[in-house]
């Protein structure tokens, strides 16, 4: 398996949110080059010390080409806004693939394999879509984040993930 090269940047989709913002901080602290997809210039300014802000709108695929250009590693998390989330994440997957990404990491949901309704069906559909692409991928399925109180009967500390590696198949 290829060693991680700190000079190869990673693109964080969702970089101004809670999870994406924390990823930007941690990657930057580890000396990694980070590119942060943003829509808002004010939020972009807050990231400039840690990342290279790049502008794009997940609902406007033509705006993603320049932002994804040259990115071999992409982390995808769209805002939880309902059904448009499915389109936004798929647009990110396609932009990553068209830019030549070698690995996509997708933050899904623990309920994707069995949940009903939003957001589980959106995440399940996007997991299947990502798995159909010719790219290495990893899907993360966290149960809950602490700002969101756990539901009754939900395991608190369980996570599930799945991934593929085309390198292992070769």
Protein backbone atom coordinates (compact mmCIF):
# COMPACT_ATOMS: atom_id res chain seq x y z
CA UNK A 1 0.00 0.00 0.00
CA UNK A 2 1.23 3.49 -0.84
CA UNK A 3 2.74 5.48 2.05
CA UNK A 4 1.02 8.72 3.01
CA UNK A 5 2.78 11.71 1.50
CA UNK A 6 2.27 14.92 3.53
CA UNK A 7 2.90 17.01 0.41
CA UNK A 8 -0.22 15.53 -1.23
CA UNK A 9 -3.15 17.65 -0.12
CA UNK A 10 -6.50 16.33 0.97
CA UNK A 11 -9.74 18.09 0.06
CA UNK A 12 -12.26 18.39 2.87
CA UNK A 13 -15.84 18.81 1.67
CA UNK A 14 -17.82 20.24 4.58
CA UNK A 15 -14.75 22.02 5.97
CA UNK A 16 -16.73 24.80 7.68
CA UNK A 17 -18.96 22.45 9.67
CA UNK A 18 -18.28 20.73 13.00
CA UNK A 19 -16.79 17.51 11.66
CA UNK A 20 -15.05 18.99 8.62
CA UNK A 21 -13.68 21.89 10.66
CA UNK A 22 -12.19 19.48 13.17
CA UNK A 23 -10.62 17.46 10.36
CA UNK A 24 -9.05 20.61 8.93
CA UNK A 25 -7.56 21.42 12.36
CA UNK A 26 -6.22 17.91 12.93
CA UNK A 27 -4.75 17.48 9.45
CA UNK A 28 -3.12 20.92 9.63
CA UNK A 29 -1.72 20.18 13.10
CA UNK A 30 -0.23 16.95 11.71
CA UNK A 31 1.55 18.92 8.99
CA UNK A 32 -0.72 17.82 6.13
CA UNK A 33 -1.67 20.12 3.28
CA UNK A 34 -5.40 20.74 3.37
CA UNK A 35 -7.74 22.19 0.79
CA UNK A 36 -11.13 23.25 2.18
CA UNK A 37 -14.24 23.44 -0.01
CA UNK A 38 -16.27 26.51 1.00
CA UNK A 39 -19.19 28.56 -0.30
CA UNK A 40 -18.85 31.52 2.05
CA UNK A 41 -15.97 34.04 1.94
CA UNK A 42 -16.29 34.89 5.66
CA UNK A 43 -15.97 31.24 6.62
CA UNK A 44 -13.13 30.83 4.12
CA UNK A 45 -11.16 33.56 5.88
CA UNK A 46 -11.41 31.66 9.17
CA UNK A 47 -9.66 28.65 7.58
CA UNK A 48 -6.82 30.42 5.77
CA UNK A 49 -4.27 29.78 8.54
CA UNK A 50 -4.83 26.01 8.33
CA UNK A 51 -6.04 25.29 4.81
CA UNK A 52 -6.29 26.55 1.26
CA UNK A 53 -9.93 27.61 0.86
CA UNK A 54 -11.40 26.77 -2.54
CA UNK A 55 -14.84 27.87 -3.62
CA UNK A 56 -17.52 25.56 -4.92
CA UNK A 57 -21.20 24.77 -4.53
CA UNK A 58 -22.19 21.11 -4.28
CA UNK A 59 -25.49 21.91 -6.02
CA UNK A 60 -23.63 23.47 -8.97
CA UNK A 61 -21.28 20.78 -10.33
CA UNK A 62 -19.57 23.18 -12.75
CA UNK A 63 -18.17 25.09 -9.74
CA UNK A 64 -16.44 21.97 -8.41
CA UNK A 65 -13.96 21.30 -11.23
CA UNK A 66 -11.31 23.80 -10.12
CA UNK A 67 -11.77 22.98 -6.42
CA UNK A 68 -11.22 19.24 -6.95
CA UNK A 69 -8.44 19.59 -9.55
CA UNK A 70 -5.39 17.53 -8.59
CA UNK A 71 -6.94 16.07 -5.44
CA UNK A 72 -6.03 12.42 -4.92
CA UNK A 73 -7.70 12.21 -1.50
CA UNK A 74 -11.15 13.62 -0.73
CA UNK A 75 -13.31 13.57 2.42
CA UNK A 76 -17.03 14.04 1.68
CA UNK A 77 -19.68 15.28 4.08
CA UNK A 78 -22.55 17.45 2.86
CA UNK A 79 -24.72 19.53 5.17
CA UNK A 80 -27.70 17.61 6.59
CA UNK A 81 -30.37 19.54 4.72
CA UNK A 82 -32.73 16.79 3.65
CA UNK A 83 -33.13 15.11 0.26
CA UNK A 84 -30.79 17.55 -1.60
CA UNK A 85 -27.97 16.02 0.48
CA UNK A 86 -28.02 12.96 -1.81
CA UNK A 87 -27.38 15.09 -4.90
CA UNK A 88 -24.74 17.20 -3.15
CA UNK A 89 -22.71 14.17 -2.07
CA UNK A 90 -23.02 12.47 -5.46
CA UNK A 91 -21.84 15.65 -7.14
CA UNK A 92 -18.80 15.58 -4.85
CA UNK A 93 -18.10 11.92 -5.66
CA UNK A 94 -18.31 12.58 -9.41
CA UNK A 95 -16.14 15.70 -9.18
CA UNK A 96 -13.54 13.73 -7.20
CA UNK A 97 -13.55 10.91 -9.75
CA UNK A 98 -13.30 13.31 -12.70
CA UNK A 99 -10.38 15.07 -10.97
CA UNK A 100 -8.52 11.77 -10.67
CA UNK A 101 -9.01 11.12 -6.95
CA UNK A 102 -7.53 7.84 -5.79
CA UNK A 103 -9.44 7.62 -2.47
CA UNK A 104 -12.75 9.01 -1.25
CA UNK A 105 -13.70 8.89 2.42
CA UNK A 106 -17.44 9.36 3.01
CA UNK A 107 -19.08 10.15 6.34
CA UNK A 108 -22.34 8.22 6.27
CA UNK A 109 -24.55 7.07 9.16
CA UNK A 110 -24.76 3.96 11.30
CA UNK A 111 -28.36 3.50 10.13
CA UNK A 112 -27.58 3.42 6.41
CA UNK A 113 -27.83 -0.39 6.13
CA UNK A 114 -31.17 -0.70 7.94
CA UNK A 115 -32.69 2.71 8.65
CA UNK A 116 -35.87 4.04 7.11
CA UNK A 117 -36.52 7.55 5.88
CA UNK A 118 -34.17 10.51 5.87
CA UNK A 119 -31.20 10.53 6.40
CA UNK A 120 -30.67 6.78 6.30
CA UNK A 121 -32.00 6.17 2.80
CA UNK A 122 -29.89 9.04 1.44
CA UNK A 123 -26.75 7.62 3.05
CA UNK A 124 -27.55 4.08 1.89
CA UNK A 125 -28.06 5.26 -1.69
CA UNK A 126 -24.82 7.22 -1.64
CA UNK A 127 -22.88 4.30 -0.17
CA UNK A 128 -24.08 2.12 -3.05
CA UNK A 129 -23.24 4.83 -5.58
CA UNK A 130 -19.75 5.31 -4.15
CA UNK A 131 -19.14 1.55 -4.16
CA UNK A 132 -20.03 1.44 -7.86
CA UNK A 133 -17.27 3.90 -8.78
CA UNK A 134 -13.80 2.90 -9.94
CA UNK A 135 -11.98 4.45 -6.95
CA UNK A 136 -10.75 3.30 -3.55
CA UNK A 137 -13.24 4.32 -0.90
CA UNK A 138 -13.93 4.21 2.80
CA UNK A 139 -17.34 4.72 4.40
CA UNK A 140 -17.48 5.80 8.03
CA UNK A 141 -20.70 5.07 9.96
CA UNK A 142 -20.62 6.85 13.30
CA UNK A 143 -23.59 6.37 15.59
CA UNK A 144 -23.95 9.81 17.12
CA UNK A 145 -22.01 12.96 17.83
CA UNK A 146 -22.16 14.34 21.34
CA UNK A 147 -23.98 17.57 20.37
CA UNK A 148 -26.86 15.27 19.38
CA UNK A 149 -28.34 13.35 22.35
CA UNK A 150 -28.39 9.60 21.74
CA UNK A 151 -31.76 8.02 21.14
CA UNK A 152 -33.12 5.38 23.49
CA UNK A 153 -31.76 1.96 22.59
CA UNK A 154 -28.98 3.33 20.38
CA UNK A 155 -25.49 2.00 21.11
CA UNK A 156 -23.40 4.95 22.31
CA UNK A 157 -19.87 3.91 21.37
CA UNK A 158 -20.35 1.64 18.38
CA UNK A 159 -19.04 2.62 14.98
CA UNK A 160 -19.09 0.70 11.77
CA UNK A 161 -17.16 1.28 8.62
CA UNK A 162 -16.46 -0.43 5.36
CA UNK A 163 -13.97 0.14 2.61
CA UNK A 164 -12.44 -1.27 -0.49
CA UNK A 165 -8.99 -1.09 -1.87
CA UNK A 166 -8.43 -1.69 -5.51
CA UNK A 167 -4.72 -2.07 -4.73
CA UNK A 168 -5.50 -5.22 -2.72
CA UNK A 169 -7.36 -6.65 -5.72
CA UNK A 170 -4.37 -6.23 -8.03
